PDB file of N, CA and C in Angstrom:
ATOM      1  N   MET A   1    -147.288  31.202 -53.068  1.00  0.00           N
ATOM      2  CA  MET A   1    -147.473  32.007 -54.588  1.00  0.00           C
ATOM      3  C   MET A   1    -146.127  33.360 -54.254  1.00  0.00           C
ATOM      4  N   LEU A   2    -146.344  33.630 -53.215  1.00  0.00           N
ATOM      5  CA  LEU A   2    -144.897  34.397 -52.755  1.00  0.00           C
ATOM      6  C   LEU A   2    -143.534  34.078 -53.581  1.00  0.00           C
ATOM      7  N   LYS A   3    -143.809  32.969 -52.374  1.00  0.00           N
ATOM      8  CA  LYS A   3    -142.310  32.054 -52.806  1.00  0.00           C
ATOM      9  C   LYS A   3    -141.666  31.910 -53.971  1.00  0.00           C
ATOM     10  N   THR A   4    -142.966  31.484 -54.496  1.00  0.00           N
ATOM     11  CA  THR A   4    -142.815  30.704 -56.461  1.00  0.00           C
ATOM     12  C   THR A   4    -141.857  32.064 -57.083  1.00  0.00           C
ATOM     13  N   LEU A   5    -142.868  33.430 -56.885  1.00  0.00           N
ATOM     14  CA  LEU A   5    -142.235  34.405 -57.410  1.00  0.00           C
ATOM     15  C   LEU A   5    -141.103  34.979 -57.263  1.00  0.00           C
ATOM     16  N   LEU A   6    -140.539  34.821 -56.186  1.00  0.00           N
ATOM     17  CA  LEU A   6    -139.157  35.161 -55.580  1.00  0.00           C
ATOM     18  C   LEU A   6    -138.326  34.109 -56.396  1.00  0.00           C
ATOM     19  N   ILE A   7    -138.317  33.210 -55.929  1.00  0.00           N
ATOM     20  CA  ILE A   7    -137.276  32.029 -56.894  1.00  0.00           C
ATOM     21  C   ILE A   7    -137.565  32.451 -58.580  1.00  0.00           C
ATOM     22  N   THR A   8    -138.581  32.667 -58.694  1.00  0.00           N
ATOM     23  CA  THR A   8    -138.452  32.976 -60.225  1.00  0.00           C
ATOM     24  C   THR A   8    -138.190  34.478 -60.729  1.00  0.00           C
ATOM     25  N   LEU A   9    -138.134  35.406 -59.970  1.00  0.00           N
ATOM     26  CA  LEU A   9    -137.253  36.390 -60.087  1.00  0.00           C
ATOM     27  C   LEU A   9    -135.595  35.898 -59.849  1.00  0.00           C
ATOM     28  N   LEU A  10    -135.367  35.385 -59.257  1.00  0.00           N
ATOM     29  CA  LEU A  10    -134.027  35.078 -58.526  1.00  0.00           C
ATOM     30  C   LEU A  10    -133.505  34.412 -59.852  1.00  0.00           C
ATOM     31  N   ILE A  11    -134.106  33.396 -60.462  1.00  0.00           N
ATOM     32  CA  ILE A  11    -133.760  32.269 -61.459  1.00  0.00           C
ATOM     33  C   ILE A  11    -133.520  33.381 -62.719  1.00  0.00           C
ATOM     34  N   VAL A  12    -134.123  34.236 -63.341  1.00  0.00           N
ATOM     35  CA  VAL A  12    -134.456  35.214 -64.132  1.00  0.00           C
ATOM     36  C   VAL A  12    -132.965  36.266 -64.117  1.00  0.00           C
ATOM     37  N   ALA A  13    -133.126  36.660 -62.870  1.00  0.00           N
ATOM     38  CA  ALA A  13    -131.581  37.435 -63.043  1.00  0.00           C
ATOM     39  C   ALA A  13    -130.376  36.800 -62.888  1.00  0.00           C
ATOM     40  N   ILE A  14    -130.428  35.613 -62.053  1.00  0.00           N
ATOM     41  CA  ILE A  14    -128.693  34.835 -62.465  1.00  0.00           C
ATOM     42  C   ILE A  14    -129.314  34.331 -64.234  1.00  0.00           C
ATOM     43  N   SER A  15    -130.043  34.189 -64.701  1.00  0.00           N
ATOM     44  CA  SER A  15    -130.386  34.206 -66.263  1.00  0.00           C
ATOM     45  C   SER A  15    -129.519  34.979 -66.786  1.00  0.00           C
ATOM     46  N   MET A  16    -129.635  36.498 -66.831  1.00  0.00           N
ATOM     47  CA  MET A  16    -129.421  37.581 -67.597  1.00  0.00           C
ATOM     48  C   MET A  16    -128.020  37.678 -67.060  1.00  0.00           C
ATOM     49  N   LEU A  17    -127.766  37.471 -65.598  1.00  0.00           N
ATOM     50  CA  LEU A  17    -126.445  37.809 -65.221  1.00  0.00           C
ATOM     51  C   LEU A  17    -125.449  37.315 -66.142  1.00  0.00           C
ATOM     52  N   LEU A  18    -125.414  35.663 -66.001  1.00  0.00           N
ATOM     53  CA  LEU A  18    -124.667  34.821 -66.671  1.00  0.00           C
ATOM     54  C   LEU A  18    -124.896  34.800 -68.157  1.00  0.00           C
ATOM     55  N   LEU A  19    -126.046  35.713 -69.190  1.00  0.00           N
ATOM     56  CA  LEU A  19    -126.064  35.655 -69.881  1.00  0.00           C
ATOM     57  C   LEU A  19    -125.018  37.189 -70.398  1.00  0.00           C
ATOM     58  N   GLY A  20    -125.330  37.854 -69.666  1.00  0.00           N
ATOM     59  CA  GLY A  20    -124.178  39.249 -70.117  1.00  0.00           C
ATOM     60  C   GLY A  20    -122.835  39.130 -69.353  1.00  0.00           C
ATOM     61  N   VAL A  21    -122.135  37.957 -68.935  1.00  0.00           N
ATOM     62  CA  VAL A  21    -120.494  38.010 -68.231  1.00  0.00           C
ATOM     63  C   VAL A  21    -119.741  38.515 -68.952  1.00  0.00           C
ATOM     64  N   LYS A  22    -119.949  38.319 -70.458  1.00  0.00           N
ATOM     65  CA  LYS A  22    -118.884  39.067 -71.537  1.00  0.00           C
ATOM     66  C   LYS A  22    -118.947  40.568 -71.398  1.00  0.00           C
ATOM     67  N   VAL A  23    -120.055  41.053 -71.344  1.00  0.00           N
ATOM     68  CA  VAL A  23    -120.149  42.345 -71.647  1.00  0.00           C
ATOM     69  C   VAL A  23    -119.749  43.022 -70.292  1.00  0.00           C
ATOM     70  N   ILE A  24    -121.176  42.611 -69.368  1.00  0.00           N
ATOM     71  CA  ILE A  24    -120.290  43.581 -68.172  1.00  0.00           C
ATOM     72  C   ILE A  24    -119.227  43.380 -67.590  1.00  0.00           C
ATOM     73  N   PHE A  25    -118.432  41.767 -67.726  1.00  0.00           N
ATOM     74  CA  PHE A  25    -116.793  42.100 -67.130  1.00  0.00           C
ATOM     75  C   PHE A  25    -115.539  42.269 -67.835  1.00  0.00           C
ATOM     76  N   GLN A  26    -115.990  42.201 -69.134  1.00  0.00           N
ATOM     77  CA  GLN A  26    -114.532  42.815 -70.125  1.00  0.00           C
ATOM     78  C   GLN A  26    -114.785  43.778 -70.754  1.00  0.00           C
ATOM     79  N   LYS A  27    -113.502  44.799 -70.729  1.00  0.00           N
ATOM     80  CA  LYS A  27    -113.713  45.751 -70.785  1.00  0.00           C
ATOM     81  C   LYS A  27    -114.066  46.029 -72.426  1.00  0.00           C
ATOM     82  N   ASN A  28    -114.610  47.240 -72.786  1.00  0.00           N
ATOM     83  CA  ASN A  28    -114.906  46.961 -74.126  1.00  0.00           C
ATOM     84  C   ASN A  28    -116.017  45.747 -74.256  1.00  0.00           C
ATOM     85  N   GLY A  29    -116.361  45.088 -73.665  1.00  0.00           N
ATOM     86  CA  GLY A  29    -117.543  43.778 -73.886  1.00  0.00           C
ATOM     87  C   GLY A  29    -118.261  44.466 -74.704  1.00  0.00           C
ATOM     88  N   ARG A  30    -118.861  43.732 -76.037  1.00  0.00           N
ATOM     89  CA  ARG A  30    -119.977  43.424 -76.529  1.00  0.00           C
ATOM     90  C   ARG A  30    -120.731  41.925 -77.317  1.00  0.00           C
ATOM     91  N   PHE A  31    -121.530  41.674 -77.444  1.00  0.00           N
ATOM     92  CA  PHE A  31    -122.302  40.592 -77.810  1.00  0.00           C
ATOM     93  C   PHE A  31    -121.845  40.368 -79.023  1.00  0.00           C
ATOM     94  N   PRO A  32    -121.514  39.068 -79.354  1.00  0.00           N
ATOM     95  CA  PRO A  32    -121.164  38.582 -80.478  1.00  0.00           C
ATOM     96  C   PRO A  32    -122.051  38.699 -81.708  1.00  0.00           C
ATOM     97  N   ALA A  33    -121.657  39.049 -82.868  1.00  0.00           N
ATOM     98  CA  ALA A  33    -122.168  39.644 -83.924  1.00  0.00           C
ATOM     99  C   ALA A  33    -122.752  38.330 -84.499  1.00  0.00           C
ATOM    100  N   THR A  34    -124.061  38.573 -84.834  1.00  0.00           N
ATOM    101  CA  THR A  34    -125.162  37.270 -85.226  1.00  0.00           C
ATOM    102  C   THR A  34    -125.812  37.409 -86.196  1.00  0.00           C
ATOM    103  N   HIS A  35    -125.227  38.811 -86.907  1.00  0.00           N
ATOM    104  CA  HIS A  35    -125.850  38.652 -88.348  1.00  0.00           C
ATOM    105  C   HIS A  35    -125.181  38.082 -89.568  1.00  0.00           C
ATOM    106  N   VAL A  36    -125.994  38.070 -90.599  1.00  0.00           N
ATOM    107  CA  VAL A  36    -125.131  36.580 -91.547  1.00  0.00           C
ATOM    108  C   VAL A  36    -124.376  37.571 -92.128  1.00  0.00           C
ATOM    109  N   SER A  37    -124.163  39.152 -92.333  1.00  0.00           N
ATOM    110  CA  SER A  37    -123.034  39.444 -93.401  1.00  0.00           C
ATOM    111  C   SER A  37    -121.876  39.810 -92.569  1.00  0.00           C
ATOM    112  N   SER A  38    -122.061  39.207 -91.056  1.00  0.00           N
ATOM    113  CA  SER A  38    -120.776  39.318 -90.493  1.00  0.00           C
ATOM    114  C   SER A  38    -120.193  38.607 -90.142  1.00  0.00           C
ATOM    115  N   SER A  39    -120.824  37.100 -91.098  1.00  0.00           N
ATOM    116  CA  SER A  39    -119.556  35.710 -91.150  1.00  0.00           C
ATOM    117  C   SER A  39    -119.020  35.904 -91.867  1.00  0.00           C
ATOM    118  N   PRO A  40    -117.551  35.565 -91.624  1.00  0.00           N
ATOM    119  CA  PRO A  40    -116.861  35.243 -92.672  1.00  0.00           C
ATOM    120  C   PRO A  40    -117.209  34.125 -93.712  1.00  0.00           C
ATOM    121  N   ALA A  41    -117.277  33.325 -93.132  1.00  0.00           N
ATOM    122  CA  ALA A  41    -117.540  32.052 -93.863  1.00  0.00           C
ATOM    123  C   ALA A  41    -118.893  32.157 -95.128  1.00  0.00           C
ATOM    124  N   MET A  42    -119.750  32.658 -94.195  1.00  0.00           N
ATOM    125  CA  MET A  42    -120.490  33.350 -95.082  1.00  0.00           C
ATOM    126  C   MET A  42    -120.101  34.029 -96.391  1.00  0.00           C
ATOM    127  N   ARG A  43    -119.533  35.024 -96.057  1.00  0.00           N
ATOM    128  CA  ARG A  43    -119.059  36.077 -97.098  1.00  0.00           C
ATOM    129  C   ARG A  43    -118.506  35.284 -98.003  1.00  0.00           C
ATOM    130  N   LYS A  44    -117.428  34.348 -97.295  1.00  0.00           N
ATOM    131  CA  LYS A  44    -116.679  33.445 -98.813  1.00  0.00           C
ATOM    132  C   LYS A  44    -117.677  32.605 -99.392  1.00  0.00           C
ATOM    133  N   LYS A  45    -118.649  32.450 -99.116  1.00  0.00           N
ATOM    134  CA  LYS A  45    -119.458  32.352-100.147  1.00  0.00           C
ATOM    135  C   LYS A  45    -120.571  32.361-100.797  1.00  0.00           C
ATOM    136  N   GLY A  46    -120.453  33.892-100.742  1.00  0.00           N
ATOM    137  CA  GLY A  46    -121.096  34.975-101.280  1.00  0.00           C
ATOM    138  C   GLY A  46    -122.407  35.177-100.723  1.00  0.00           C
ATOM    139  N   ILE A  47    -123.135  35.236 -99.211  1.00  0.00           N
ATOM    140  CA  ILE A  47    -124.155  34.909 -98.648  1.00  0.00           C
ATOM    141  C   ILE A  47    -124.172  35.961 -98.294  1.00  0.00           C
ATOM    142  N   GLY A  48    -125.136  36.800 -98.214  1.00  0.00           N
ATOM    143  CA  GLY A  48    -125.343  38.127 -97.592  1.00  0.00           C
ATOM    144  C   GLY A  48    -126.838  38.546 -97.041  1.00  0.00           C
ATOM    145  N   CYS A  49    -127.057  39.503 -96.862  1.00  0.00           N
ATOM    146  CA  CYS A  49    -128.224  39.757 -95.912  1.00  0.00           C
ATOM    147  C   CYS A  49    -129.129  39.585 -96.761  1.00  0.00           C
ATOM    148  N   VAL A  50    -130.314  39.214 -96.641  1.00  0.00           N
ATOM    149  CA  VAL A  50    -131.582  39.579 -97.499  1.00  0.00           C
ATOM    150  C   VAL A  50    -132.174  40.517 -97.968  1.00  0.00           C
ATOM    151  N   GLN A  51    -131.914  41.711 -96.947  1.00  0.00           N
ATOM    152  CA  GLN A  51    -132.294  43.196 -97.378  1.00  0.00           C
ATOM    153  C   GLN A  51    -131.057  43.632 -97.974  1.00  0.00           C
ATOM    154  N   SER A  52    -130.056  43.206 -98.356  1.00  0.00           N
ATOM    155  CA  SER A  52    -128.845  44.003 -98.987  1.00  0.00           C
ATOM    156  C   SER A  52    -129.208  43.158-100.677  1.00  0.00           C
ATOM    157  N   GLN A  53    -129.242  41.957-100.361  1.00  0.00           N
ATOM    158  CA  GLN A  53    -129.651  41.452-101.405  1.00  0.00           C
ATOM    159  C   GLN A  53    -131.057  41.694-102.130  1.00  0.00           C
ATOM    160  N   ASP A  54    -132.114  42.216-101.863  1.00  0.00           N
ATOM    161  CA  ASP A  54    -132.693  42.156-102.291  1.00  0.00           C
ATOM    162  C   ASP A  54    -133.013  44.133-102.854  1.00  0.00           C
ATOM    163  N   ARG A  55    -132.460  44.940-102.129  1.00  0.00           N
ATOM    164  CA  ARG A  55    -131.598  46.335-102.741  1.00  0.00           C
ATOM    165  C   ARG A  55    -131.036  46.032-103.529  1.00  0.00           C
ATOM    166  N   GLU A  56    -130.091  45.074-103.829  1.00  0.00           N
ATOM    167  CA  GLU A  56    -128.894  45.759-104.695  1.00  0.00           C
ATOM    168  C   GLU A  56    -129.900  44.640-106.493  1.00  0.00           C
ATOM    169  N   ALA A  57    -130.788  43.914-106.160  1.00  0.00           N
ATOM    170  CA  ALA A  57    -131.996  43.282-107.143  1.00  0.00           C
ATOM    171  C   ALA A  57    -132.990  44.050-107.492  1.00  0.00           C
ATOM    172  N   ARG A  58    -132.946  45.074-106.608  1.00  0.00           N
ATOM    173  CA  ARG A  58    -134.022  46.179-106.923  1.00  0.00           C
ATOM    174  C   ARG A  58    -133.441  47.423-107.858  1.00  0.00           C
ATOM    175  N   ARG A  59    -132.156  47.777-107.785  1.00  0.00           N
ATOM    176  CA  ARG A  59    -131.541  48.650-108.243  1.00  0.00           C
ATOM    177  C   ARG A  59    -131.725  48.439-109.855  1.00  0.00           C
ATOM    178  N   LYS A  60    -132.057  49.742-110.474  1.00  0.00           N
ATOM    179  CA  LYS A  60    -132.061  49.410-111.941  1.00  0.00           C
ATOM    180  C   LYS A  60    -130.436  49.615-112.601  1.00  0.00           C
ATOM    181  N   PRO A  61    -130.258  48.587-113.411  1.00  0.00           N
ATOM    182  CA  PRO A  61    -129.093  48.316-113.840  1.00  0.00           C
ATOM    183  C   PRO A  61    -128.516  49.307-114.829  1.00  0.00           C
ATOM    184  N   LYS A  62    -127.373  49.839-115.279  1.00  0.00           N
ATOM    185  CA  LYS A  62    -126.830  50.698-115.979  1.00  0.00           C
ATOM    186  C   LYS A  62    -127.195  50.809-117.260  1.00  0.00           C
ATOM    187  N   PHE A  63    -127.455  49.400-117.821  1.00  0.00           N
ATOM    188  CA  PHE A  63    -127.461  49.164-119.306  1.00  0.00           C
ATOM    189  C   PHE A  63    -129.214  48.537-119.601  1.00  0.00           C
ATOM    190  N   SER A  64    -129.958  49.626-119.033  1.00  0.00           N
ATOM    191  CA  SER A  64    -130.992  48.803-119.185  1.00  0.00           C
ATOM    192  C   SER A  64    -131.731  48.573-120.570  1.00  0.00           C
ATOM    193  N   ILE A  65    -132.882  47.679-120.505  1.00  0.00           N
ATOM    194  CA  ILE A  65    -133.636  47.728-122.522  1.00  0.00           C
ATOM    195  C   ILE A  65    -133.850  49.032-122.661  1.00  0.00           C
ATOM    196  N   ASP A  66    -134.177  50.083-122.128  1.00  0.00           N
ATOM    197  CA  ASP A  66    -134.739  51.675-122.209  1.00  0.00           C
ATOM    198  C   ASP A  66    -133.482  52.103-123.180  1.00  0.00           C
ATOM    199  N   ALA A  67    -132.385  52.043-122.682  1.00  0.00           N
ATOM    200  CA  ALA A  67    -131.197  52.563-122.616  1.00  0.00           C
ATOM    201  C   ALA A  67    -130.771  52.012-123.993  1.00  0.00           C
ATOM    202  N   LEU A  68    -131.260  50.487-123.534  1.00  0.00           N
ATOM    203  CA  LEU A  68    -130.371  49.878-124.985  1.00  0.00           C
ATOM    204  C   LEU A  68    -131.285  50.506-126.641  1.00  0.00           C
ATOM    205  N   GLU A  69    -132.455  50.198-125.983  1.00  0.00           N
ATOM    206  CA  GLU A  69    -133.201  51.012-127.639  1.00  0.00           C
ATOM    207  C   GLU A  69    -133.133  52.055-128.153  1.00  0.00           C
ATOM    208  N   LYS A  70    -132.815  53.386-127.212  1.00  0.00           N
ATOM    209  CA  LYS A  70    -132.815  54.274-127.537  1.00  0.00           C
ATOM    210  C   LYS A  70    -131.477  54.607-128.023  1.00  0.00           C
ATOM    211  N   SER A  71    -130.625  53.879-128.302  1.00  0.00           N
ATOM    212  CA  SER A  71    -129.258  53.843-128.645  1.00  0.00           C
ATOM    213  C   SER A  71    -129.275  52.984-130.271  1.00  0.00           C
ATOM    214  N   LEU A  72    -130.218  52.321-130.476  1.00  0.00           N
ATOM    215  CA  LEU A  72    -130.513  51.800-131.563  1.00  0.00           C
ATOM    216  C   LEU A  72    -131.312  52.672-132.734  1.00  0.00           C
TER     217      LEU A  72
END
């Protein structure tokens, strides 16, 4: 049982080290940005973060129907 636990911890430690090679060994190393809005290809297609798109859709437009009715 103890042998299995130690082997598992060793495998997990090696995996974590390999996942963080760029971050650990490179000066100012960072994990790659995986957010939708940070992808140039997605921005070119006009695809953005769903939270940002939802925020824009909920904004009241400059010329709402209420404002148009009052001006008539």
